[in-house]
């Protein structure tokens, strides 16, 4: 059968990231088949050919790579038993559908490999998250004909149980239907299953998104954490000091770094570093993100290549890091379902997400007296009313303004 095993190969555009491929060797011939798994170089165990760690993300990566490895091993056996030559094309039949419909897990891996050749990285990450959720709900060994309307309706309830909003559920259902259309084109499925109703989910308003005060930011910065949580903490702190959205953070590259002109600060002339990039939410709009010294330290430490994590694993890691740091003050979480209002009190770390970094940045800027119109331009809001929804003036600060205005 020759050699069939998993290998890690540096990404062409980022040597700090490892793509996990299946290596098929027949004599002097070698072929590589991408599994769609991409991890930090430090996470790849070359001796054991696995992704290190016991996190949900590492487990998913090992499962996905292992499924394609096993599918390719079975395909090579079938080709040899049929007396055919083992070539790249005959092995790739397991990915193209000529070898029959694979199980759900192998089909998802093949779809992600297809996307990796034709779509942007952020799109592939979105589909990867959806594929993981679908596989965790349905199981990797189920056949594709079991992906029907009833299963999708159960998938909707499963996603709501994970805390996904209707907007996110709708997006993930769209990803699943795109996968199903791709499978139909290859003869793996007879038809795309109908879209089930989304149901009703609770949504959190921007005014209620959790944020950190300056003391909590410092506490999180100084808290000793595991390597995995440290990477998530660094990303979150970077967002707190830059106000970037998640969609902007994932497109950061070293070449976006620029040098600003000298300006007067406390009587001294200095220079600053900023990032110039196109806003992910509003294409065509350029952001110029000045790096605070704390953000610049993180940027330099990672050489402009911050750890890239998909939203759900990153949010979970942020919550765990904040819990370790003791950020557990009561936070009133207000959610709405239509006109219904649900109020619960949770430890603040449970309410944190990547977007909390943006809220932290805007709130602390406003509390330090930066004009709202300036904050609006910094964070890239089109309307100052949008920025105003992010700010929270404390009771003490409002009282101070009244007393100062009237000489109290």
Protein backbone atom coordinates (compact mmCIF):
# COMPACT_ATOMS: atom_id res chain seq x y z
CA UNK A 1 0.00 0.00 0.00
CA UNK A 2 2.95 2.31 0.43
CA UNK A 3 2.95 5.28 2.80
CA UNK A 4 -0.28 6.92 3.91
CA UNK A 5 -0.05 9.28 6.87
CA UNK A 6 -0.76 12.78 8.11
CA UNK A 7 1.90 15.48 7.72
CA UNK A 8 2.13 19.13 8.67
CA UNK A 9 3.18 21.61 5.99
CA UNK A 10 3.84 25.36 6.52
CA UNK A 11 1.29 27.60 4.83
CA UNK A 12 2.67 29.49 1.79
CA UNK A 13 1.40 32.83 3.09
CA UNK A 14 2.12 32.25 6.79
CA UNK A 15 4.98 30.00 7.94
CA UNK A 16 3.71 30.20 11.53
CA UNK A 17 0.61 28.23 10.51
CA UNK A 18 0.63 24.53 9.63
CA UNK A 19 -1.73 22.91 7.15
CA UNK A 20 -2.43 19.24 7.88
CA UNK A 21 -2.35 17.09 4.72
CA UNK A 22 -2.64 13.40 3.95
CA UNK A 23 0.58 12.14 2.35
CA UNK A 24 0.20 9.21 -0.05
CA UNK A 25 3.53 7.70 -1.15
CA UNK A 26 3.91 5.02 -3.80
CA UNK A 27 7.59 4.32 -4.47
CA UNK A 28 9.13 7.59 -5.65
CA UNK A 29 5.74 9.24 -6.17
CA UNK A 30 4.17 11.38 -3.48
CA UNK A 31 0.85 13.19 -3.39
CA UNK A 32 -0.61 15.52 -0.79
CA UNK A 33 -4.33 15.93 -0.08
CA UNK A 34 -5.41 18.86 2.09
CA UNK A 35 -7.68 18.05 5.05
CA UNK A 36 -8.71 21.67 5.59
CA UNK A 37 -7.11 21.67 9.07
CA UNK A 38 -4.85 24.68 9.69
CA UNK A 39 -3.29 25.24 13.14
CA UNK A 40 -0.48 27.19 14.79
CA UNK A 41 2.92 25.56 14.26
CA UNK A 42 3.27 25.05 18.02
CA UNK A 43 0.09 22.95 18.07
CA UNK A 44 1.31 20.36 15.54
CA UNK A 45 3.00 17.26 17.00
CA UNK A 46 5.11 15.99 14.09
CA UNK A 47 6.21 12.83 15.93
CA UNK A 48 2.65 11.66 16.67
CA UNK A 49 1.05 13.31 13.61
CA UNK A 50 -1.70 14.92 15.69
CA UNK A 51 -2.80 18.37 16.83
CA UNK A 52 -1.73 18.86 20.44
CA UNK A 53 -4.20 19.61 23.20
CA UNK A 54 -7.57 18.49 24.49
CA UNK A 55 -9.60 21.54 23.50
CA UNK A 56 -12.75 21.21 21.45
CA UNK A 57 -10.95 22.79 18.51
CA UNK A 58 -8.02 20.33 18.70
CA UNK A 59 -10.37 17.35 19.02
CA UNK A 60 -12.35 18.50 16.00
CA UNK A 61 -9.18 19.02 13.95
CA UNK A 62 -7.88 15.53 14.76
CA UNK A 63 -11.25 13.96 13.97
CA UNK A 64 -11.53 15.74 10.65
CA UNK A 65 -7.98 14.91 9.56
CA UNK A 66 -8.37 11.30 10.76
CA UNK A 67 -11.59 10.84 8.79
CA UNK A 68 -10.00 11.86 5.51
CA UNK A 69 -6.92 9.74 6.30
CA UNK A 70 -9.10 6.66 6.83
CA UNK A 71 -11.20 7.41 3.74
CA UNK A 72 -8.05 7.63 1.59
CA UNK A 73 -6.66 4.40 3.08
CA UNK A 74 -9.87 2.58 2.19
CA UNK A 75 -9.83 4.05 -1.31
CA UNK A 76 -6.25 2.89 -1.93
CA UNK A 77 -7.18 -0.63 -0.77
CA UNK A 78 -10.15 -0.70 -3.16
CA UNK A 79 -8.01 0.54 -6.06
CA UNK A 80 -5.37 -2.13 -5.39
CA UNK A 81 -7.95 -4.91 -5.01
CA UNK A 82 -9.48 -3.89 -8.34
CA UNK A 83 -6.07 -4.27 -9.97
CA UNK A 84 -5.91 -0.58 -10.91
CA UNK A 85 -2.87 1.67 -10.72
CA UNK A 86 -2.65 3.85 -7.64
CA UNK A 87 -2.45 7.39 -9.00
CA UNK A 88 -3.36 10.80 -7.67
CA UNK A 89 -6.54 10.70 -9.76
CA UNK A 90 -7.62 7.25 -8.52
CA UNK A 91 -7.01 8.24 -4.89
CA UNK A 92 -8.83 11.57 -5.35
CA UNK A 93 -11.98 9.73 -6.44
CA UNK A 94 -12.94 9.56 -2.78
CA UNK A 95 -13.11 13.37 -2.86
CA UNK A 96 -14.76 13.83 -6.24
CA UNK A 97 -17.62 11.39 -5.72
CA UNK A 98 -16.61 8.83 -8.34
CA UNK A 99 -16.01 6.27 -5.59
CA UNK A 100 -19.57 6.58 -4.24
CA UNK A 101 -21.12 8.79 -1.60
CA UNK A 102 -18.93 9.11 1.52
CA UNK A 103 -20.21 9.45 5.07
CA UNK A 104 -21.10 12.90 6.34
CA UNK A 105 -17.71 13.48 8.00
CA UNK A 106 -15.68 12.66 4.87
CA UNK A 107 -18.05 14.71 2.70
CA UNK A 108 -17.63 17.77 4.93
CA UNK A 109 -13.83 17.40 4.74
CA UNK A 110 -13.98 17.17 0.93
CA UNK A 111 -16.21 20.26 0.77
CA UNK A 112 -13.80 22.26 2.94
CA UNK A 113 -10.90 21.25 0.70
CA UNK A 114 -12.91 22.42 -2.32
CA UNK A 115 -13.62 25.76 -0.61
CA UNK A 116 -9.97 26.18 0.30
CA UNK A 117 -9.11 26.34 -3.40
CA UNK A 118 -11.75 28.87 -4.38
CA UNK A 119 -12.79 30.99 -1.38
CA UNK A 120 -11.24 33.50 1.02
CA UNK A 121 -9.90 32.37 4.37
CA UNK A 122 -12.72 34.01 6.38
CA UNK A 123 -15.33 32.17 4.27
CA UNK A 124 -13.60 28.84 4.84
CA UNK A 125 -13.47 29.55 8.59
CA UNK A 126 -17.23 30.22 8.60
CA UNK A 127 -17.91 26.94 6.82
CA UNK A 128 -15.47 25.12 9.14
CA UNK A 129 -17.42 26.28 12.20
CA UNK A 130 -20.71 25.23 10.61
CA UNK A 131 -19.27 21.85 9.62
CA UNK A 132 -18.06 21.25 13.17
CA UNK A 133 -21.47 22.10 14.64
CA UNK A 134 -23.29 19.91 12.09
CA UNK A 135 -20.97 16.98 12.69
CA UNK A 136 -21.25 17.28 16.47
CA UNK A 137 -25.04 17.28 16.15
CA UNK A 138 -25.48 14.53 13.54
CA UNK A 139 -22.35 12.42 13.97
CA UNK A 140 -19.60 11.83 11.40
CA UNK A 141 -20.72 8.31 10.37
CA UNK A 142 -24.25 9.18 9.24
CA UNK A 143 -24.91 9.03 5.52
CA UNK A 144 -25.77 12.11 3.49
CA UNK A 145 -29.32 10.96 2.75
CA UNK A 146 -30.02 11.37 6.47
CA UNK A 147 -29.47 15.11 6.10
CA UNK A 148 -33.18 15.89 5.69
CA UNK A 149 -35.60 18.56 6.87
CA UNK A 150 -36.24 16.91 10.22
CA UNK A 151 -32.51 16.70 10.92
CA UNK A 152 -32.08 20.36 9.97
CA UNK A 153 -34.94 21.37 12.23
CA UNK A 154 -33.20 19.57 15.10
CA UNK A 155 -29.97 21.30 14.07
CA UNK A 156 -31.72 24.67 14.45
CA UNK A 157 -32.74 23.81 18.02
CA UNK A 158 -29.20 22.58 18.70
CA UNK A 159 -27.72 25.89 17.50
CA UNK A 160 -30.16 27.90 19.61
CA UNK A 161 -29.10 25.78 22.58
CA UNK A 162 -25.50 26.89 21.96
CA UNK A 163 -26.62 30.50 22.26
CA UNK A 164 -26.67 31.37 18.55
CA UNK A 165 -28.97 34.20 17.46
CA UNK A 166 -31.46 33.78 14.60
CA UNK A 167 -29.09 35.74 12.36
CA UNK A 168 -26.26 33.29 13.05
CA UNK A 169 -28.54 30.26 12.70
CA UNK A 170 -29.80 31.56 9.34
CA UNK A 171 -26.21 32.01 8.15
CA UNK A 172 -25.22 28.50 9.23
CA UNK A 173 -28.30 26.99 7.57
CA UNK A 174 -27.24 28.78 4.38
CA UNK A 175 -23.81 27.17 4.69
CA UNK A 176 -25.39 23.73 5.14
CA UNK A 177 -27.62 24.22 2.08
CA UNK A 178 -24.60 25.35 0.04
CA UNK A 179 -22.82 22.15 1.12
CA UNK A 180 -25.92 20.13 0.17
CA UNK A 181 -26.08 21.74 -3.30
CA UNK A 182 -22.41 20.87 -3.79
CA UNK A 183 -23.13 17.26 -2.72
CA UNK A 184 -26.11 17.06 -5.12
CA UNK A 185 -23.89 18.19 -8.01
CA UNK A 186 -21.59 15.22 -7.26
CA UNK A 187 -24.43 12.73 -7.07
CA UNK A 188 -23.98 12.19 -3.32
CA UNK A 189 -27.48 13.48 -2.48
CA UNK A 190 -30.74 13.39 -4.39
CA UNK A 191 -31.99 16.85 -3.41
CA UNK A 192 -31.25 19.82 -1.16
CA UNK A 193 -33.39 19.52 2.00
CA UNK A 194 -35.98 22.28 2.57
CA UNK A 195 -35.14 25.04 5.00
CA UNK A 196 -36.83 24.55 8.40
CA UNK A 197 -38.34 27.46 10.37
CA UNK A 198 -35.82 29.34 12.49
CA UNK A 199 -38.01 29.44 15.57
CA UNK A 200 -37.61 32.22 18.10
CA UNK A 201 -34.34 33.00 19.80
CA UNK A 202 -33.28 35.60 22.32
CA UNK A 203 -31.06 38.43 21.11
CA UNK A 204 -28.77 40.70 23.10
CA UNK A 205 -28.90 44.43 22.34
CA UNK A 206 -25.64 46.39 21.75
CA UNK A 207 -26.37 48.49 24.85
CA UNK A 208 -26.26 45.33 26.97
CA UNK A 209 -23.02 43.80 25.64
CA UNK A 210 -20.55 43.23 28.47
CA UNK A 211 -17.37 45.33 28.63
CA UNK A 212 -14.40 45.64 30.98
CA UNK A 213 -13.36 48.63 33.03
CA UNK A 214 -9.72 49.74 33.10
CA UNK A 215 -8.96 47.76 36.28
CA UNK A 216 -10.37 44.56 34.78
CA UNK A 217 -8.38 45.04 31.58
CA UNK A 218 -5.19 45.34 33.63
CA UNK A 219 -6.10 42.31 35.74
CA UNK A 220 -6.66 40.21 32.63
CA UNK A 221 -3.36 41.39 31.13
CA UNK A 222 -1.38 40.37 34.21
CA UNK A 223 -3.10 37.06 34.95
CA UNK A 224 -0.95 33.92 34.37
CA UNK A 225 -2.71 31.61 31.90
CA UNK A 226 -2.12 28.44 29.90
CA UNK A 227 -0.61 28.90 26.40
CA UNK A 228 -3.97 28.41 24.69
CA UNK A 229 -5.81 30.85 26.94
CA UNK A 230 -2.89 33.29 26.69
CA UNK A 231 -3.32 33.46 22.91
CA UNK A 232 -7.04 34.12 23.25
CA UNK A 233 -6.35 36.71 25.97
CA UNK A 234 -3.83 38.48 23.71
CA UNK A 235 -6.38 38.68 20.90
CA UNK A 236 -9.05 40.04 23.25
CA UNK A 237 -6.72 42.63 24.82
CA UNK A 238 -5.69 43.71 21.31
CA UNK A 239 -9.38 44.24 20.47
CA UNK A 240 -9.87 46.21 23.71
CA UNK A 241 -7.06 48.61 22.74
CA UNK A 242 -7.99 48.95 19.06
CA UNK A 243 -11.79 48.65 18.96
CA UNK A 244 -11.63 46.32 15.95
CA UNK A 245 -14.49 44.03 15.01
CA UNK A 246 -13.84 40.29 14.77
CA UNK A 247 -14.19 40.48 10.98
CA UNK A 248 -11.43 43.11 10.84
CA UNK A 249 -9.12 41.24 13.22
CA UNK A 250 -9.10 38.05 11.12
CA UNK A 251 -7.79 39.91 8.07
CA UNK A 252 -4.81 41.50 9.86
CA UNK A 253 -1.44 40.95 8.16
CA UNK A 254 2.05 42.43 8.82
CA UNK A 255 1.95 44.45 5.60
CA UNK A 256 -0.96 46.53 6.96
CA UNK A 257 1.41 48.26 9.38
CA UNK A 258 2.14 51.93 8.62
CA UNK A 259 4.11 54.74 10.26
CA UNK A 260 2.34 57.92 11.24
CA UNK A 261 3.65 61.46 11.00
CA UNK A 262 5.17 63.17 14.01
CA UNK A 263 2.78 65.00 16.31
CA UNK A 264 3.06 66.98 19.53
CA UNK A 265 2.22 65.09 22.72
CA UNK A 266 2.88 66.74 26.08
CA UNK A 267 5.53 68.92 24.53
CA UNK A 268 7.34 66.04 22.84
CA UNK A 269 7.52 65.06 19.22
CA UNK A 270 6.92 61.38 18.61
CA UNK A 271 5.78 58.94 15.96
CA UNK A 272 3.08 56.33 16.02
CA UNK A 273 2.27 53.04 14.33
CA UNK A 274 -1.12 52.37 12.79
CA UNK A 275 -2.83 49.70 10.71
CA UNK A 276 -4.54 50.65 7.47
CA UNK A 277 -7.19 48.18 6.30
CA UNK A 278 -10.54 47.95 4.61
CA UNK A 279 -13.46 47.48 7.01
CA UNK A 280 -14.94 43.99 6.66
CA UNK A 281 -18.48 45.15 7.44
CA UNK A 282 -18.44 48.14 5.08
CA UNK A 283 -16.31 47.32 2.00
CA UNK A 284 -14.63 50.36 0.51
CA UNK A 285 -14.29 52.11 3.86
CA UNK A 286 -10.71 52.35 5.10
CA UNK A 287 -9.81 52.12 8.77
CA UNK A 288 -6.67 53.63 10.26
CA UNK A 289 -6.18 51.95 13.61
CA UNK A 290 -3.57 53.62 15.80
CA UNK A 291 -1.80 51.07 18.00
CA UNK A 292 -1.71 51.93 21.70
CA UNK A 293 1.61 50.79 23.28
CA UNK A 294 -0.14 47.77 24.82
CA UNK A 295 -1.59 46.78 21.44
CA UNK A 296 1.75 47.47 19.73
CA UNK A 297 3.52 45.14 22.18
CA UNK A 298 1.14 42.30 21.25
CA UNK A 299 1.48 43.13 17.54
CA UNK A 300 5.29 43.01 17.76
CA UNK A 301 5.30 39.83 19.84
CA UNK A 302 3.35 37.98 17.15
CA UNK A 303 5.21 39.79 14.32
CA UNK A 304 1.92 41.06 12.94
CA UNK A 305 0.38 37.59 12.77
CA UNK A 306 -2.06 37.39 15.64
CA UNK A 307 -3.48 33.93 16.43
CA UNK A 308 -6.49 33.25 14.22
CA UNK A 309 -9.38 31.47 15.94
CA UNK A 310 -12.94 30.93 14.78
CA UNK A 311 -15.58 32.89 16.76
CA UNK A 312 -17.05 30.21 19.02
CA UNK A 313 -13.74 28.69 20.25
CA UNK A 314 -12.36 32.21 20.74
CA UNK A 315 -15.41 33.32 22.73
CA UNK A 316 -15.19 30.23 24.93
CA UNK A 317 -11.48 30.83 25.56
CA UNK A 318 -12.11 34.52 26.40
CA UNK A 319 -14.73 33.49 28.97
CA UNK A 320 -12.37 30.95 30.55
CA UNK A 321 -9.47 33.42 30.65
CA UNK A 322 -11.62 36.10 32.26
CA UNK A 323 -12.89 33.56 34.81
CA UNK A 324 -9.32 32.64 35.77
CA UNK A 325 -8.57 36.37 36.12
CA UNK A 326 -11.46 36.68 38.57
CA UNK A 327 -13.63 38.94 36.41
CA UNK A 328 -16.83 37.71 37.99
CA UNK A 329 -18.72 40.80 39.14
CA UNK A 330 -22.50 40.49 38.61
CA UNK A 331 -23.60 41.44 35.10
CA UNK A 332 -27.25 41.99 34.27
CA UNK A 333 -27.91 40.32 30.95
CA UNK A 334 -31.02 41.65 29.20
CA UNK A 335 -32.32 39.63 26.25
CA UNK A 336 -35.32 40.16 24.02
CA UNK A 337 -37.55 37.77 22.13
CA UNK A 338 -39.96 39.99 20.27
CA UNK A 339 -41.58 42.13 22.94
CA UNK A 340 -40.62 39.72 25.72
CA UNK A 341 -37.82 40.92 28.01
CA UNK A 342 -35.73 38.41 29.96
CA UNK A 343 -33.31 39.61 32.64
CA UNK A 344 -30.71 37.30 34.17
CA UNK A 345 -27.70 38.04 36.37
CA UNK A 346 -24.50 36.18 35.45
CA UNK A 347 -20.80 36.51 36.34
CA UNK A 348 -19.36 39.06 33.93
CA UNK A 349 -16.92 36.57 32.38
CA UNK A 350 -19.89 34.51 31.11
CA UNK A 351 -21.19 37.52 29.16
CA UNK A 352 -17.90 38.37 27.40
CA UNK A 353 -17.46 37.86 23.63
CA UNK A 354 -15.03 39.17 21.02
CA UNK A 355 -17.36 42.15 20.52
CA UNK A 356 -16.89 43.04 24.20
CA UNK A 357 -13.42 44.26 23.19
CA UNK A 358 -14.95 46.85 20.87
CA UNK A 359 -17.40 47.92 23.58
CA UNK A 360 -14.56 48.20 26.09
CA UNK A 361 -12.55 50.42 23.73
CA UNK A 362 -15.43 52.79 22.98
CA UNK A 363 -16.61 52.98 26.59
CA UNK A 364 -13.16 53.72 28.04
CA UNK A 365 -12.44 56.30 25.32
CA UNK A 366 -15.70 58.09 26.11
CA UNK A 367 -15.03 57.96 29.85
CA UNK A 368 -11.63 59.59 29.25
CA UNK A 369 -13.30 62.55 27.59
CA UNK A 370 -12.70 61.76 23.91
CA UNK A 371 -15.44 63.45 21.83
CA UNK A 372 -18.03 61.02 20.52
CA UNK A 373 -17.54 62.22 16.94
CA UNK A 374 -13.83 61.38 17.14
CA UNK A 375 -14.60 57.91 18.51
CA UNK A 376 -17.06 57.44 15.66
CA UNK A 377 -14.34 58.10 13.07
CA UNK A 378 -11.80 55.92 14.89
CA UNK A 379 -14.02 52.81 15.02
CA UNK A 380 -15.55 53.34 11.56
CA UNK A 381 -19.21 53.92 12.45
CA UNK A 382 -21.16 55.73 9.74
CA UNK A 383 -23.45 57.44 12.25
CA UNK A 384 -22.58 58.95 15.62
CA UNK A 385 -25.88 57.53 16.94
CA UNK A 386 -24.43 54.04 16.50
CA UNK A 387 -21.39 54.98 18.57
CA UNK A 388 -23.61 56.49 21.26
CA UNK A 389 -25.29 53.10 21.77
CA UNK A 390 -21.93 51.69 22.88
CA UNK A 391 -21.19 54.27 25.60
CA UNK A 392 -22.12 54.02 29.27
CA UNK A 393 -21.60 57.07 31.42
CA UNK A 394 -21.42 56.09 35.08
CA UNK A 395 -23.85 57.57 37.63
CA UNK A 396 -20.95 59.22 39.45
CA UNK A 397 -19.67 60.80 36.23
CA UNK A 398 -23.08 62.16 35.27
CA UNK A 399 -23.50 63.63 38.76
CA UNK A 400 -20.07 65.23 38.49
CA UNK A 401 -21.02 66.93 35.24
CA UNK A 402 -24.20 68.39 36.80
CA UNK A 403 -22.36 69.62 39.91
CA UNK A 404 -19.54 71.16 37.89
CA UNK A 405 -21.94 72.86 35.48
CA UNK A 406 -23.92 74.46 38.31
CA UNK A 407 -21.07 75.09 40.72
CA UNK A 408 -22.09 72.35 43.16
